[in-house]
Structures are given as C-alpha cells and as structure tokens.
Amino acid sequence: MAMSPALSTVAAPARWQDFVQLMKPRVMSLVVFTALTGLVCAGHAVHPVLAAVAILCIAVGAGASGALNMWYDADIDAKMRRTRGRPVPAGRVQGADALALGVVLSMFSVMLMGMALNWLAAGLLAFTIFFYAVVYTVWLKRFTAQNIVIGGLAGALPPVIGWAAATGSAPLNAWLLCAIIFMWTPPHFWALSLYTSEDYERAGVPMMPVVAGAASTRRQILVYSLLFTPLCLVPALTGLGGPIYLAVAGLGGLVFLLLAWRLFRSHAGETGGQRNDDGLYGVRAGAKDARNLFAFSILYLTLLFATLLVEHLMRVKPLELLR
C-alpha cells in the first residue's frame, strides 16, 4: 500500500479533540446506530455487558477506519474546502500518529470482538476495516467513478456485524439490512457530490459528476432511487419489519422518490449550482434540489432503522407477508 507523506508539520501539540476528529465521530454514530439495530433485530438474548462490548468494538473499528482514511487522504483533504480543516492536512496531527492510531484501534477492536463475542463477527469487522481503509480509500476513491457504489459495502456491513455478534450467524435478514444501506449510498453521496463537485475536481477525485457530468449523475440517482425505495419495503415481507415500519418505509419512500425526481428535473451540479461556503447545506439556488435529497436521505435511513429498533424492543408482531 502506498504511503501518503505528511503534508505539514504540527504547529502546536495536538489536542485530544483532534484525535477524536480523526475517528470521524459523525460517521461513527451512524455505524453504531445501524450495528445496534442489527444486534437487536437478531432477536437473540445477549448479556448487556457483551452487547456493550460488541458495540464498543464496532465503534472503535469505525474510528480506526476513519483514522486510516484521514492518514492516507491527507493530500486530497488539503485541497477540498469541506475537509481541509481536518487534523492531518491542517497540521494539528502528524500523519504517522494518525496511522498508528488507526492500526492500534483496528487490532484492538477485532481481537476484543473475537475473544468476547465470536470470530465471525470479528472477521466481518476486520474485513470492513480493510475494505474501507484499503479497497475504498487507496484504490476505489482515486481510480474509479464507481468508488461510492462499490465502497458503500463498508458502510453497509455494520448491521451484519451486530447481528453476527448476537447470534454467531448472518442470515438473510441481516444481509437485507446491509443491502438497504448499500443501495442508499449512491443517491445519498452523489446528491452531495453534485454541489461539491468543484472540490472533487480540484482534488482529482473521480466522483460521478466530475467524470460523467451532472446530467448523467442526476439520472443515475433517479435509477438508484427507483431500486432503493422498493427494497426498503422488503423487511415487512420477510418478518423483519412490522406495520409501523411498513408505513414509514412506504411514506418516506414516496418522499424520497419525489425529491429524486425533482433533482432529476433540475440543473443541480451545472454552472452556478456549486456551494458558496464550507458547510454541507449552504448552496446556491440551483443546487437546492441536490441538497434536499442529501438531507432527506439521512433522515429516511435513520427513520427506517429507528423504526425497526423500536418495533423489536417493543416486540411488535412482524407482518411476515411472505410466510
């Protein structure tokens, strides 16, 4: 694996907050949430301490992936408005320290998961870290416009890891949760990339709008949305989701499709549609449809998994329409 040299020297001693930022806490929170949903939906009694250890390992593994990603991508991050303030490109943390943190946390999380829970969950966690840090970060992100599509597997695996931690197995319903996140990833990130494409182009990252253009990206977002929203209904057919889940998935899916259609019909990502500040949500008028789909996609995925979590905790009877 190629080494990414440190971009700058550290101007002042790193604070503990900088090392927390290396672990991408916002991404980690979503990983923990979906993994917890998988663990609970498994329906297997797990000692609370072991359940907490499993979630801790998954959180630490996600943090390790983030640190390794920030170490390797420091050169790219320094060129992008959204990421140039991260600890390594900003010079607050040395690249070697970020690498060391990622390696140590990776080993700790995988070994603890294997010894405390089971080695299937540990193996899936190790694969997820490797896939994100090496396959996605080193290879896919820099060399193909399909980086988000293929690389989305890393972000989709946490509920499978949580399920495996609880039961020692990974049945169809666990992989169904994985598939939902996997299909959610392209419309979510491509919507973001439509109004941050200047950043990606400046950094030389072949995101879809940079390679294929804004119109093609909007069309592909619509196609993935048409595949994603019906998939979200499937848990109600397999005994995983109940009536509340079906209502949330159905109504939310309609809103998702409406926003995807409006984005398809818009000119987002074209001239005059770029961001005008460093925030995720501050955009010019032409990019608002992309911003709206990006924001709602986060809400929709959160509602889907929150509903499954609540239904299983409240023991709501699943629909099992296919049984």
C-alpha atoms as a PDB file:
ATOM      1  CA  MET A   1       0.000   0.000   0.000  1.00  0.00           C
ATOM      2  CA  ALA A   2       1.426   3.360  -0.999  1.00  0.00           C
ATOM      3  CA  MET A   3       2.319   5.749   1.770  1.00  0.00           C
ATOM      4  CA  SER A   4       0.860   9.258   1.856  1.00  0.00           C
ATOM      5  CA  PRO A   5       3.529  11.641   3.186  1.00  0.00           C
ATOM      6  CA  ALA A   6       2.709  14.148   5.901  1.00  0.00           C
ATOM      7  CA  LEU A   7       1.574  17.380   4.344  1.00  0.00           C
ATOM      8  CA  SER A   8       2.735  19.745   7.030  1.00  0.00           C
ATOM      9  CA  THR A   9       4.474  19.887  10.352  1.00  0.00           C
ATOM     10  CA  VAL A  10       2.496  20.210  13.541  1.00  0.00           C
ATOM     11  CA  ALA A  11       2.403  23.841  14.615  1.00  0.00           C
ATOM     12  CA  ALA A  12       1.193  23.085  18.143  1.00  0.00           C
ATOM     13  CA  PRO A  13       0.649  19.999  20.295  1.00  0.00           C
ATOM     14  CA  ALA A  14      -2.421  18.052  19.212  1.00  0.00           C
ATOM     15  CA  ARG A  15      -5.437  18.217  21.481  1.00  0.00           C
ATOM     16  CA  TRP A  16      -7.466  15.157  22.400  1.00  0.00           C
ATOM     17  CA  GLN A  17     -10.307  16.604  20.313  1.00  0.00           C
ATOM     18  CA  ASP A  18      -8.105  16.292  17.228  1.00  0.00           C
ATOM     19  CA  PHE A  19      -7.709  12.558  17.767  1.00  0.00           C
ATOM     20  CA  VAL A  20     -11.449  12.218  18.262  1.00  0.00           C
ATOM     21  CA  GLN A  21     -11.965  14.051  14.975  1.00  0.00           C
ATOM     22  CA  LEU A  22      -9.607  11.587  13.283  1.00  0.00           C
ATOM     23  CA  MET A  23     -12.111   8.859  14.072  1.00  0.00           C
ATOM     24  CA  LYS A  24     -14.939  10.656  12.221  1.00  0.00           C
ATOM     25  CA  PRO A  25     -17.434  10.705  15.116  1.00  0.00           C
ATOM     26  CA  ARG A  26     -20.422  11.627  12.906  1.00  0.00           C
ATOM     27  CA  VAL A  27     -19.820   8.631  10.668  1.00  0.00           C
ATOM     28  CA  MET A  28     -19.146   6.505  13.742  1.00  0.00           C
ATOM     29  CA  SER A  29     -22.522   7.445  15.235  1.00  0.00           C
ATOM     30  CA  LEU A  30     -24.358   6.146  12.147  1.00  0.00           C
ATOM     31  CA  VAL A  31     -22.274   2.963  12.174  1.00  0.00           C
ATOM     32  CA  VAL A  32     -23.047   2.362  15.855  1.00  0.00           C
ATOM     33  CA  PHE A  33     -26.750   3.028  15.303  1.00  0.00           C
ATOM     34  CA  THR A  34     -27.120   0.589  12.400  1.00  0.00           C
ATOM     35  CA  ALA A  35     -24.992  -2.028  14.174  1.00  0.00           C
ATOM     36  CA  LEU A  36     -27.157  -1.738  17.302  1.00  0.00           C
ATOM     37  CA  THR A  37     -30.234  -2.200  15.124  1.00  0.00           C
ATOM     38  CA  GLY A  38     -28.764  -5.384  13.678  1.00  0.00           C
ATOM     39  CA  LEU A  39     -27.883  -6.685  17.133  1.00  0.00           C
ATOM     40  CA  VAL A  40     -31.389  -6.050  18.490  1.00  0.00           C
ATOM     41  CA  CYS A  41     -33.197  -7.301  15.381  1.00  0.00           C
ATOM     42  CA  ALA A  42     -31.332 -10.600  15.665  1.00  0.00           C
ATOM     43  CA  GLY A  43     -33.772 -11.408  18.471  1.00  0.00           C
ATOM     44  CA  HIS A  44     -31.198 -13.345  20.484  1.00  0.00           C
ATOM     45  CA  ALA A  45     -30.673 -12.754  24.184  1.00  0.00           C
ATOM     46  CA  VAL A  46     -27.224 -11.232  24.742  1.00  0.00           C
ATOM     47  CA  HIS A  47     -25.763 -10.296  28.109  1.00  0.00           C
ATOM     48  CA  PRO A  48     -25.844  -6.475  28.366  1.00  0.00           C
ATOM     49  CA  VAL A  49     -22.100  -6.335  29.030  1.00  0.00           C
ATOM     50  CA  LEU A  50     -21.330  -8.423  25.947  1.00  0.00           C
ATOM     51  CA  ALA A  51     -23.723  -6.334  23.871  1.00  0.00           C
ATOM     52  CA  ALA A  52     -21.950  -3.188  25.053  1.00  0.00           C
ATOM     53  CA  VAL A  53     -18.577  -4.734  24.203  1.00  0.00           C
ATOM     54  CA  ALA A  54     -19.817  -5.607  20.708  1.00  0.00           C
ATOM     55  CA  ILE A  55     -20.999  -2.060  20.068  1.00  0.00           C
ATOM     56  CA  LEU A  56     -17.753  -0.692  21.515  1.00  0.00           C
ATOM     57  CA  CYS A  57     -15.717  -2.868  19.152  1.00  0.00           C
ATOM     58  CA  ILE A  58     -17.753  -1.764  16.151  1.00  0.00           C
ATOM     59  CA  ALA A  59     -17.415   1.894  17.171  1.00  0.00           C
ATOM     60  CA  VAL A  60     -13.663   1.553  17.678  1.00  0.00           C
ATOM     61  CA  GLY A  61     -13.349  -0.289  14.363  1.00  0.00           C
ATOM     62  CA  ALA A  62     -15.205   2.543  12.628  1.00  0.00           C
ATOM     63  CA  GLY A  63     -12.895   5.026  14.318  1.00  0.00           C
ATOM     64  CA  ALA A  64      -9.877   3.050  13.171  1.00  0.00           C
ATOM     65  CA  SER A  65     -11.160   3.143   9.589  1.00  0.00           C
ATOM     66  CA  GLY A  66     -11.641   6.893   9.834  1.00  0.00           C
ATOM     67  CA  ALA A  67      -8.122   7.463  11.167  1.00  0.00           C
ATOM     68  CA  LEU A  68      -6.564   5.340   8.422  1.00  0.00           C
ATOM     69  CA  ASN A  69      -8.653   7.158   5.830  1.00  0.00           C
ATOM     70  CA  MET A  70      -7.571  10.580   7.123  1.00  0.00           C
ATOM     71  CA  TRP A  71      -3.930   9.495   7.155  1.00  0.00           C
ATOM     72  CA  TYR A  72      -3.926   8.301   3.562  1.00  0.00           C
ATOM     73  CA  ASP A  73      -6.205  11.012   2.163  1.00  0.00           C
ATOM     74  CA  ALA A  74      -4.396  13.950   3.741  1.00  0.00           C
ATOM     75  CA  ASP A  75      -3.185  15.164   0.340  1.00  0.00           C
ATOM     76  CA  ILE A  76      -6.715  15.104  -1.079  1.00  0.00           C
ATOM     77  CA  ASP A  77      -8.285  16.584   2.041  1.00  0.00           C
ATOM     78  CA  ALA A  78      -5.939  19.577   1.908  1.00  0.00           C
ATOM     79  CA  LYS A  79      -7.365  20.582  -1.484  1.00  0.00           C
ATOM     80  CA  MET A  80     -11.050  20.416  -0.556  1.00  0.00           C
ATOM     81  CA  ARG A  81     -12.964  23.101   1.338  1.00  0.00           C
ATOM     82  CA  ARG A  82     -15.061  20.526   3.168  1.00  0.00           C
ATOM     83  CA  THR A  83     -12.045  18.607   4.506  1.00  0.00           C
ATOM     84  CA  ARG A  84      -9.078  20.971   4.621  1.00  0.00           C
ATOM     85  CA  GLY A  85      -9.668  21.683   8.310  1.00  0.00           C
ATOM     86  CA  ARG A  86      -9.189  18.045   9.297  1.00  0.00           C
ATOM     87  CA  PRO A  87      -6.366  17.382  11.798  1.00  0.00           C
ATOM     88  CA  VAL A  88      -3.746  15.982   9.397  1.00  0.00           C
ATOM     89  CA  PRO A  89      -3.957  18.440   6.480  1.00  0.00           C
ATOM     90  CA  ALA A  90      -4.359  21.318   8.950  1.00  0.00           C
ATOM     91  CA  GLY A  91      -1.104  20.267  10.606  1.00  0.00           C
ATOM     92  CA  ARG A  92      -2.532  19.590  14.049  1.00  0.00           C
ATOM     93  CA  VAL A  93      -1.721  15.848  13.922  1.00  0.00           C
ATOM     94  CA  GLN A  94       1.172  14.166  12.161  1.00  0.00           C
ATOM     95  CA  GLY A  95       0.327  11.566   9.534  1.00  0.00           C
ATOM     96  CA  ALA A  96       2.364   8.928  11.354  1.00  0.00           C
ATOM     97  CA  ASP A  97       0.312   9.446  14.507  1.00  0.00           C
ATOM     98  CA  ALA A  98      -2.950   9.055  12.581  1.00  0.00           C
ATOM     99  CA  LEU A  99      -1.629   5.849  11.001  1.00  0.00           C
ATOM    100  CA  ALA A 100      -0.523   4.466  14.367  1.00  0.00           C
ATOM    101  CA  LEU A 101      -3.884   5.261  15.928  1.00  0.00           C
ATOM    102  CA  GLY A 102      -5.731   3.511  13.103  1.00  0.00           C
ATOM    103  CA  VAL A 103      -3.590   0.374  13.261  1.00  0.00           C
ATOM    104  CA  VAL A 104      -3.771   0.065  17.058  1.00  0.00           C
ATOM    105  CA  LEU A 105      -7.536   0.621  17.176  1.00  0.00           C
ATOM    106  CA  SER A 106      -8.062  -1.884  14.347  1.00  0.00           C
ATOM    107  CA  MET A 107      -6.156  -4.635  16.164  1.00  0.00           C
ATOM    108  CA  PHE A 108      -7.813  -3.851  19.487  1.00  0.00           C
ATOM    109  CA  SER A 109     -11.381  -3.871  18.129  1.00  0.00           C
ATOM    110  CA  VAL A 110     -11.027  -7.072  16.099  1.00  0.00           C
ATOM    111  CA  MET A 111      -9.256  -9.066  18.802  1.00  0.00           C
ATOM    112  CA  LEU A 112     -11.644  -7.958  21.544  1.00  0.00           C
ATOM    113  CA  MET A 113     -14.655  -8.796  19.366  1.00  0.00           C
ATOM    114  CA  GLY A 114     -13.298 -12.262  18.659  1.00  0.00           C
ATOM    115  CA  MET A 115     -12.404 -13.078  22.257  1.00  0.00           C
ATOM    116  CA  ALA A 116     -15.522 -11.577  23.862  1.00  0.00           C
ATOM    117  CA  LEU A 117     -18.192 -12.467  21.278  1.00  0.00           C
ATOM    118  CA  ASN A 118     -17.303 -14.684  18.307  1.00  0.00           C
ATOM    119  CA  TRP A 119     -14.845 -14.832  15.457  1.00  0.00           C
ATOM    120  CA  LEU A 120     -17.448 -14.491  12.702  1.00  0.00           C
ATOM    121  CA  ALA A 121     -18.279 -11.004  13.960  1.00  0.00           C
ATOM    122  CA  ALA A 122     -14.577 -10.291  14.389  1.00  0.00           C
ATOM    123  CA  GLY A 123     -13.832 -11.462  10.859  1.00  0.00           C
ATOM    124  CA  LEU A 124     -16.596  -9.287   9.413  1.00  0.00           C
ATOM    125  CA  LEU A 125     -15.289  -6.312  11.406  1.00  0.00           C
ATOM    126  CA  ALA A 126     -11.744  -6.909  10.153  1.00  0.00           C
ATOM    127  CA  PHE A 127     -12.994  -7.182   6.574  1.00  0.00           C
ATOM    128  CA  THR A 128     -14.958  -3.946   6.937  1.00  0.00           C
ATOM    129  CA  ILE A 129     -11.933  -2.034   8.222  1.00  0.00           C
ATOM    130  CA  PHE A 130      -9.750  -3.445   5.443  1.00  0.00           C
ATOM    131  CA  PHE A 131     -12.352  -2.740   2.775  1.00  0.00           C
ATOM    132  CA  TYR A 132     -12.795   0.892   3.807  1.00  0.00           C
ATOM    133  CA  ALA A 133      -9.163   1.691   4.558  1.00  0.00           C
ATOM    134  CA  VAL A 134      -7.553  -0.166   1.650  1.00  0.00           C
ATOM    135  CA  VAL A 135     -10.041  -1.145  -1.061  1.00  0.00           C
ATOM    136  CA  TYR A 136     -12.053   2.079  -0.928  1.00  0.00           C
ATOM    137  CA  THR A 137      -9.554   4.675   0.300  1.00  0.00           C
ATOM    138  CA  VAL A 138      -6.424   3.504  -1.513  1.00  0.00           C
ATOM    139  CA  TRP A 139      -7.929   2.110  -4.700  1.00  0.00           C
ATOM    140  CA  LEU A 140     -11.572   2.923  -5.491  1.00  0.00           C
ATOM    141  CA  LYS A 141     -11.727   6.540  -4.358  1.00  0.00           C
ATOM    142  CA  ARG A 142      -8.838   7.658  -6.557  1.00  0.00           C
ATOM    143  CA  PHE A 143      -9.316   5.493  -9.640  1.00  0.00           C
ATOM    144  CA  THR A 144     -12.986   4.912 -10.479  1.00  0.00           C
ATOM    145  CA  ALA A 145     -16.251   6.813 -10.598  1.00  0.00           C
ATOM    146  CA  GLN A 146     -17.845   3.720  -9.058  1.00  0.00           C
ATOM    147  CA  ASN A 147     -15.949   4.400  -5.824  1.00  0.00           C
ATOM    148  CA  ILE A 148     -19.076   5.170  -3.826  1.00  0.00           C
ATOM    149  CA  VAL A 149     -21.070   2.273  -5.299  1.00  0.00           C
ATOM    150  CA  ILE A 150     -18.526  -0.457  -4.524  1.00  0.00           C
ATOM    151  CA  GLY A 151     -17.074   1.248  -1.477  1.00  0.00           C
ATOM    152  CA  GLY A 152     -20.550   1.542   0.025  1.00  0.00           C
ATOM    153  CA  LEU A 153     -20.214  -2.056   1.182  1.00  0.00           C
ATOM    154  CA  ALA A 154     -18.010  -0.932   4.056  1.00  0.00           C
ATOM    155  CA  GLY A 155     -20.700   1.350   5.430  1.00  0.00           C
ATOM    156  CA  ALA A 156     -23.398  -1.259   4.843  1.00  0.00           C
ATOM    157  CA  LEU A 157     -21.836  -4.087   6.860  1.00  0.00           C
ATOM    158  CA  PRO A 158     -22.250  -2.848  10.497  1.00  0.00           C
ATOM    159  CA  PRO A 159     -25.783  -4.281  10.969  1.00  0.00           C
ATOM    160  CA  VAL A 160     -24.482  -7.660   9.777  1.00  0.00           C
ATOM    161  CA  ILE A 161     -21.622  -7.415  12.268  1.00  0.00           C
ATOM    162  CA  GLY A 162     -24.081  -6.564  15.045  1.00  0.00           C
ATOM    163  CA  TRP A 163     -26.319  -9.487  14.090  1.00  0.00           C
ATOM    164  CA  ALA A 164     -23.341 -11.855  13.958  1.00  0.00           C
ATOM    165  CA  ALA A 165     -22.137 -10.616  17.348  1.00  0.00           C
ATOM    166  CA  ALA A 166     -25.507 -11.559  18.855  1.00  0.00           C
ATOM    167  CA  THR A 167     -26.054 -14.920  17.174  1.00  0.00           C
ATOM    168  CA  GLY A 168     -22.806 -16.078  15.618  1.00  0.00           C
ATOM    169  CA  SER A 169     -24.555 -16.174  12.232  1.00  0.00           C
ATOM    170  CA  ALA A 170     -25.507 -13.836   9.402  1.00  0.00           C
ATOM    171  CA  PRO A 171     -28.913 -14.833   7.951  1.00  0.00           C
ATOM    172  CA  LEU A 172     -30.817 -13.300   5.054  1.00  0.00           C
ATOM    173  CA  ASN A 173     -32.476 -10.564   7.116  1.00  0.00           C
ATOM    174  CA  ALA A 174     -29.071  -9.339   8.295  1.00  0.00           C
ATOM    175  CA  TRP A 175     -27.922  -9.044   4.698  1.00  0.00           C
ATOM    176  CA  LEU A 176     -31.187  -7.316   3.828  1.00  0.00           C
ATOM    177  CA  LEU A 177     -30.257  -4.512   6.226  1.00  0.00           C
ATOM    178  CA  CYS A 178     -26.868  -4.412   4.538  1.00  0.00           C
ATOM    179  CA  ALA A 179     -28.492  -4.207   1.105  1.00  0.00           C
ATOM    180  CA  ILE A 180     -30.679  -1.270   2.152  1.00  0.00           C
ATOM    181  CA  ILE A 181     -27.660   0.782   3.233  1.00  0.00           C
ATOM    182  CA  PHE A 182     -25.693  -0.322   0.175  1.00  0.00           C
ATOM    183  CA  MET A 183     -28.410   0.877  -2.225  1.00  0.00           C
ATOM    184  CA  TRP A 184     -28.921   4.074  -0.210  1.00  0.00           C
ATOM    185  CA  THR A 185     -25.290   5.113  -0.532  1.00  0.00           C
ATOM    186  CA  PRO A 186     -25.103   6.152  -4.240  1.00  0.00           C
ATOM    187  CA  PRO A 187     -28.081   8.560  -4.272  1.00  0.00           C
ATOM    188  CA  HIS A 188     -27.012   9.938  -0.899  1.00  0.00           C
ATOM    189  CA  PHE A 189     -23.386  10.674  -1.782  1.00  0.00           C
ATOM    190  CA  TRP A 190     -23.971  11.603  -5.415  1.00  0.00           C
ATOM    191  CA  ALA A 191     -26.501  14.201  -4.290  1.00  0.00           C
ATOM    192  CA  LEU A 192     -23.777  15.652  -2.072  1.00  0.00           C
ATOM    193  CA  SER A 193     -21.197  15.459  -4.852  1.00  0.00           C
ATOM    194  CA  LEU A 194     -23.435  17.439  -7.198  1.00  0.00           C
ATOM    195  CA  TYR A 195     -22.897  20.567  -5.130  1.00  0.00           C
ATOM    196  CA  THR A 196     -19.313  19.791  -4.049  1.00  0.00           C
ATOM    197  CA  SER A 197     -18.005  18.715  -7.465  1.00  0.00           C
ATOM    198  CA  GLU A 198     -15.589  21.654  -7.622  1.00  0.00           C
ATOM    199  CA  ASP A 199     -13.850  20.243  -4.555  1.00  0.00           C
ATOM    200  CA  TYR A 200     -13.570  16.766  -6.041  1.00  0.00           C
ATOM    201  CA  GLU A 201     -12.350  18.106  -9.373  1.00  0.00           C
ATOM    202  CA  ARG A 202      -9.699  20.228  -7.656  1.00  0.00           C
ATOM    203  CA  ALA A 203      -8.506  17.209  -5.661  1.00  0.00           C
ATOM    204  CA  GLY A 204      -8.522  14.879  -8.671  1.00  0.00           C
ATOM    205  CA  VAL A 205     -11.121  12.523  -7.180  1.00  0.00           C
ATOM    206  CA  PRO A 206     -13.171  10.866  -9.965  1.00  0.00           C
ATOM    207  CA  MET A 207     -16.603  11.322  -8.429  1.00  0.00           C
ATOM    208  CA  MET A 208     -19.504  10.730 -10.803  1.00  0.00           C
ATOM    209  CA  PRO A 209     -20.319  14.405 -11.586  1.00  0.00           C
ATOM    210  CA  VAL A 210     -16.653  15.043 -12.414  1.00  0.00           C
ATOM    211  CA  VAL A 211     -16.332  12.013 -14.700  1.00  0.00           C
ATOM    212  CA  ALA A 212     -19.802  11.624 -16.237  1.00  0.00           C
ATOM    213  CA  GLY A 213     -21.260  15.091 -15.780  1.00  0.00           C
ATOM    214  CA  ALA A 214     -24.131  16.449 -13.718  1.00  0.00           C
ATOM    215  CA  ALA A 215     -26.943  15.280 -16.031  1.00  0.00           C
ATOM    216  CA  SER A 216     -25.733  11.673 -16.021  1.00  0.00           C
ATOM    217  CA  THR A 217     -25.313  11.771 -12.241  1.00  0.00           C
ATOM    218  CA  ARG A 218     -28.869  13.048 -11.737  1.00  0.00           C
ATOM    219  CA  ARG A 219     -30.162  10.268 -13.995  1.00  0.00           C
ATOM    220  CA  GLN A 220     -28.244   7.608 -12.079  1.00  0.00           C
ATOM    221  CA  ILE A 221     -29.512   8.991  -8.768  1.00  0.00           C
ATOM    222  CA  LEU A 222     -33.066   8.546 -10.037  1.00  0.00           C
ATOM    223  CA  VAL A 223     -32.369   4.969 -11.172  1.00  0.00           C
ATOM    224  CA  TYR A 224     -30.845   4.011  -7.829  1.00  0.00           C
ATOM    225  CA  SER A 225     -33.741   5.691  -6.007  1.00  0.00           C
ATOM    226  CA  LEU A 226     -36.230   3.619  -8.018  1.00  0.00           C
ATOM    227  CA  LEU A 227     -34.363   0.482  -6.904  1.00  0.00           C
ATOM    228  CA  PHE A 228     -33.740   1.591  -3.332  1.00  0.00           C
ATOM    229  CA  THR A 229     -37.231   2.607  -2.229  1.00  0.00           C
ATOM    230  CA  PRO A 230     -38.986  -0.720  -3.079  1.00  0.00           C
ATOM    231  CA  LEU A 231     -36.131  -2.571  -1.383  1.00  0.00           C
ATOM    232  CA  CYS A 232     -36.945  -0.690   1.832  1.00  0.00           C
ATOM    233  CA  LEU A 233     -40.368  -2.359   1.849  1.00  0.00           C
ATOM    234  CA  VAL A 234     -38.949  -5.895   1.767  1.00  0.00           C
ATOM    235  CA  PRO A 235     -38.302  -6.210   5.553  1.00  0.00           C
ATOM    236  CA  ALA A 236     -42.077  -6.042   6.026  1.00  0.00           C
ATOM    237  CA  LEU A 237     -42.328  -9.121   3.807  1.00  0.00           C
ATOM    238  CA  THR A 238     -39.641 -11.224   5.480  1.00  0.00           C
ATOM    239  CA  GLY A 239     -40.690 -10.923   9.123  1.00  0.00           C
ATOM    240  CA  LEU A 240     -38.105  -8.292   9.974  1.00  0.00           C
ATOM    241  CA  GLY A 241     -40.392  -5.257   9.996  1.00  0.00           C
ATOM    242  CA  GLY A 242     -43.917  -4.677  11.284  1.00  0.00           C
ATOM    243  CA  PRO A 243     -46.811  -2.398  10.349  1.00  0.00           C
ATOM    244  CA  ILE A 244     -45.140   0.756  11.672  1.00  0.00           C
ATOM    245  CA  TYR A 245     -42.062   0.015   9.618  1.00  0.00           C
ATOM    246  CA  LEU A 246     -44.154  -0.594   6.505  1.00  0.00           C
ATOM    247  CA  ALA A 247     -45.863   2.785   6.909  1.00  0.00           C
ATOM    248  CA  VAL A 248     -42.588   4.642   7.484  1.00  0.00           C
ATOM    249  CA  ALA A 249     -40.849   2.884   4.586  1.00  0.00           C
ATOM    250  CA  GLY A 250     -43.789   3.472   2.241  1.00  0.00           C
ATOM    251  CA  LEU A 251     -44.480   7.118   3.010  1.00  0.00           C
ATOM    252  CA  GLY A 252     -40.811   8.014   3.339  1.00  0.00           C
ATOM    253  CA  GLY A 253     -40.049   6.197   0.110  1.00  0.00           C
ATOM    254  CA  LEU A 254     -42.603   8.294  -1.743  1.00  0.00           C
ATOM    255  CA  VAL A 255     -40.983  11.491  -0.454  1.00  0.00           C
ATOM    256  CA  PHE A 256     -37.555  10.122  -1.406  1.00  0.00           C
ATOM    257  CA  LEU A 257     -38.744   9.402  -4.955  1.00  0.00           C
ATOM    258  CA  LEU A 258     -40.351  12.832  -5.239  1.00  0.00           C
ATOM    259  CA  LEU A 259     -37.100  14.526  -4.225  1.00  0.00           C
ATOM    260  CA  ALA A 260     -35.108  12.303  -6.586  1.00  0.00           C
ATOM    261  CA  TRP A 261     -37.477  13.190  -9.448  1.00  0.00           C
ATOM    262  CA  ARG A 262     -37.190  16.907  -8.691  1.00  0.00           C
ATOM    263  CA  LEU A 263     -33.412  16.560  -8.644  1.00  0.00           C
ATOM    264  CA  PHE A 264     -33.500  14.708 -11.972  1.00  0.00           C
ATOM    265  CA  ARG A 265     -35.535  17.533 -13.498  1.00  0.00           C
ATOM    266  CA  SER A 266     -33.274  20.232 -12.057  1.00  0.00           C
ATOM    267  CA  HIS A 267     -29.928  21.656 -13.194  1.00  0.00           C
ATOM    268  CA  ALA A 268     -28.101  20.817  -9.964  1.00  0.00           C
ATOM    269  CA  GLY A 269     -24.388  20.371 -10.436  1.00  0.00           C
ATOM    270  CA  GLU A 270     -24.210  22.543 -13.528  1.00  0.00           C
ATOM    271  CA  THR A 271     -22.846  26.074 -13.803  1.00  0.00           C
ATOM    272  CA  GLY A 272     -23.976  28.226 -10.900  1.00  0.00           C
ATOM    273  CA  GLY A 273     -25.011  25.275  -8.791  1.00  0.00           C
ATOM    274  CA  GLN A 274     -21.968  24.927  -6.594  1.00  0.00           C
ATOM    275  CA  ARG A 275     -21.637  25.549  -2.877  1.00  0.00           C
ATOM    276  CA  ASN A 276     -20.773  29.039  -1.755  1.00  0.00           C
ATOM    277  CA  ASP A 277     -19.424  28.182   1.701  1.00  0.00           C
ATOM    278  CA  ASP A 278     -17.762  25.374   3.632  1.00  0.00           C
ATOM    279  CA  GLY A 279     -20.926  23.839   5.076  1.00  0.00           C
ATOM    280  CA  LEU A 280     -22.750  20.750   3.896  1.00  0.00           C
ATOM    281  CA  TYR A 281     -26.052  22.543   3.466  1.00  0.00           C
ATOM    282  CA  GLY A 282     -25.221  26.056   2.266  1.00  0.00           C
ATOM    283  CA  VAL A 283     -25.817  26.053  -1.504  1.00  0.00           C
ATOM    284  CA  ARG A 284     -26.870  28.334  -4.305  1.00  0.00           C
ATOM    285  CA  ALA A 285     -30.405  28.184  -5.636  1.00  0.00           C
ATOM    286  CA  GLY A 286     -29.540  25.821  -8.480  1.00  0.00           C
ATOM    287  CA  ALA A 287     -28.264  23.131  -6.133  1.00  0.00           C
ATOM    288  CA  LYS A 288     -31.087  23.128  -3.583  1.00  0.00           C
ATOM    289  CA  ASP A 289     -32.706  20.005  -5.025  1.00  0.00           C
ATOM    290  CA  ALA A 290     -29.453  18.094  -4.536  1.00  0.00           C
ATOM    291  CA  ARG A 291     -29.133  19.458  -1.008  1.00  0.00           C
ATOM    292  CA  ASN A 292     -32.732  18.481  -0.201  1.00  0.00           C
ATOM    293  CA  LEU A 293     -32.298  14.879  -1.332  1.00  0.00           C
ATOM    294  CA  PHE A 294     -28.996  14.597   0.528  1.00  0.00           C
ATOM    295  CA  ALA A 295     -30.556  15.876   3.761  1.00  0.00           C
ATOM    296  CA  PHE A 296     -33.711  13.771   3.486  1.00  0.00           C
ATOM    297  CA  SER A 297     -31.734  10.633   2.678  1.00  0.00           C
ATOM    298  CA  ILE A 298     -30.088  10.850   6.100  1.00  0.00           C
ATOM    299  CA  LEU A 299     -33.448  11.336   7.793  1.00  0.00           C
ATOM    300  CA  TYR A 300     -35.074   8.493   5.858  1.00  0.00           C
ATOM    301  CA  LEU A 301     -32.382   5.923   6.631  1.00  0.00           C
ATOM    302  CA  THR A 302     -32.413   6.971  10.284  1.00  0.00           C
ATOM    303  CA  LEU A 303     -36.194   6.575  10.470  1.00  0.00           C
ATOM    304  CA  LEU A 304     -36.077   3.139   8.838  1.00  0.00           C
ATOM    305  CA  PHE A 305     -33.573   1.738  11.297  1.00  0.00           C
ATOM    306  CA  ALA A 306     -35.083   3.565  14.278  1.00  0.00           C
ATOM    307  CA  THR A 307     -38.474   2.062  13.476  1.00  0.00           C
ATOM    308  CA  LEU A 308     -37.035  -1.446  13.251  1.00  0.00           C
ATOM    309  CA  LEU A 309     -35.218  -0.898  16.535  1.00  0.00           C
ATOM    310  CA  VAL A 310     -38.335   0.359  18.327  1.00  0.00           C
ATOM    311  CA  GLU A 311     -40.547  -2.399  16.934  1.00  0.00           C
ATOM    312  CA  HIS A 312     -38.184  -5.110  18.120  1.00  0.00           C
ATOM    313  CA  LEU A 313     -37.686  -3.532  21.538  1.00  0.00           C
ATOM    314  CA  MET A 314     -41.467  -3.201  21.931  1.00  0.00           C
ATOM    315  CA  ARG A 315     -41.973  -6.704  20.490  1.00  0.00           C
ATOM    316  CA  VAL A 316     -44.340  -5.506  17.780  1.00  0.00           C
ATOM    317  CA  LYS A 317     -45.553  -8.509  15.821  1.00  0.00           C
ATOM    318  CA  PRO A 318     -43.930  -8.591  12.368  1.00  0.00           C
ATOM    319  CA  LEU A 319     -46.096  -8.773   9.264  1.00  0.00           C
ATOM    320  CA  GLU A 320     -44.402 -11.820   7.679  1.00  0.00           C
ATOM    321  CA  LEU A 321     -46.361 -11.317   4.461  1.00  0.00           C
ATOM    322  CA  LEU A 322     -44.280 -13.886   2.593  1.00  0.00           C
ATOM    323  CA  ARG A 323     -44.649 -16.621   5.208  1.00  0.00           C
END
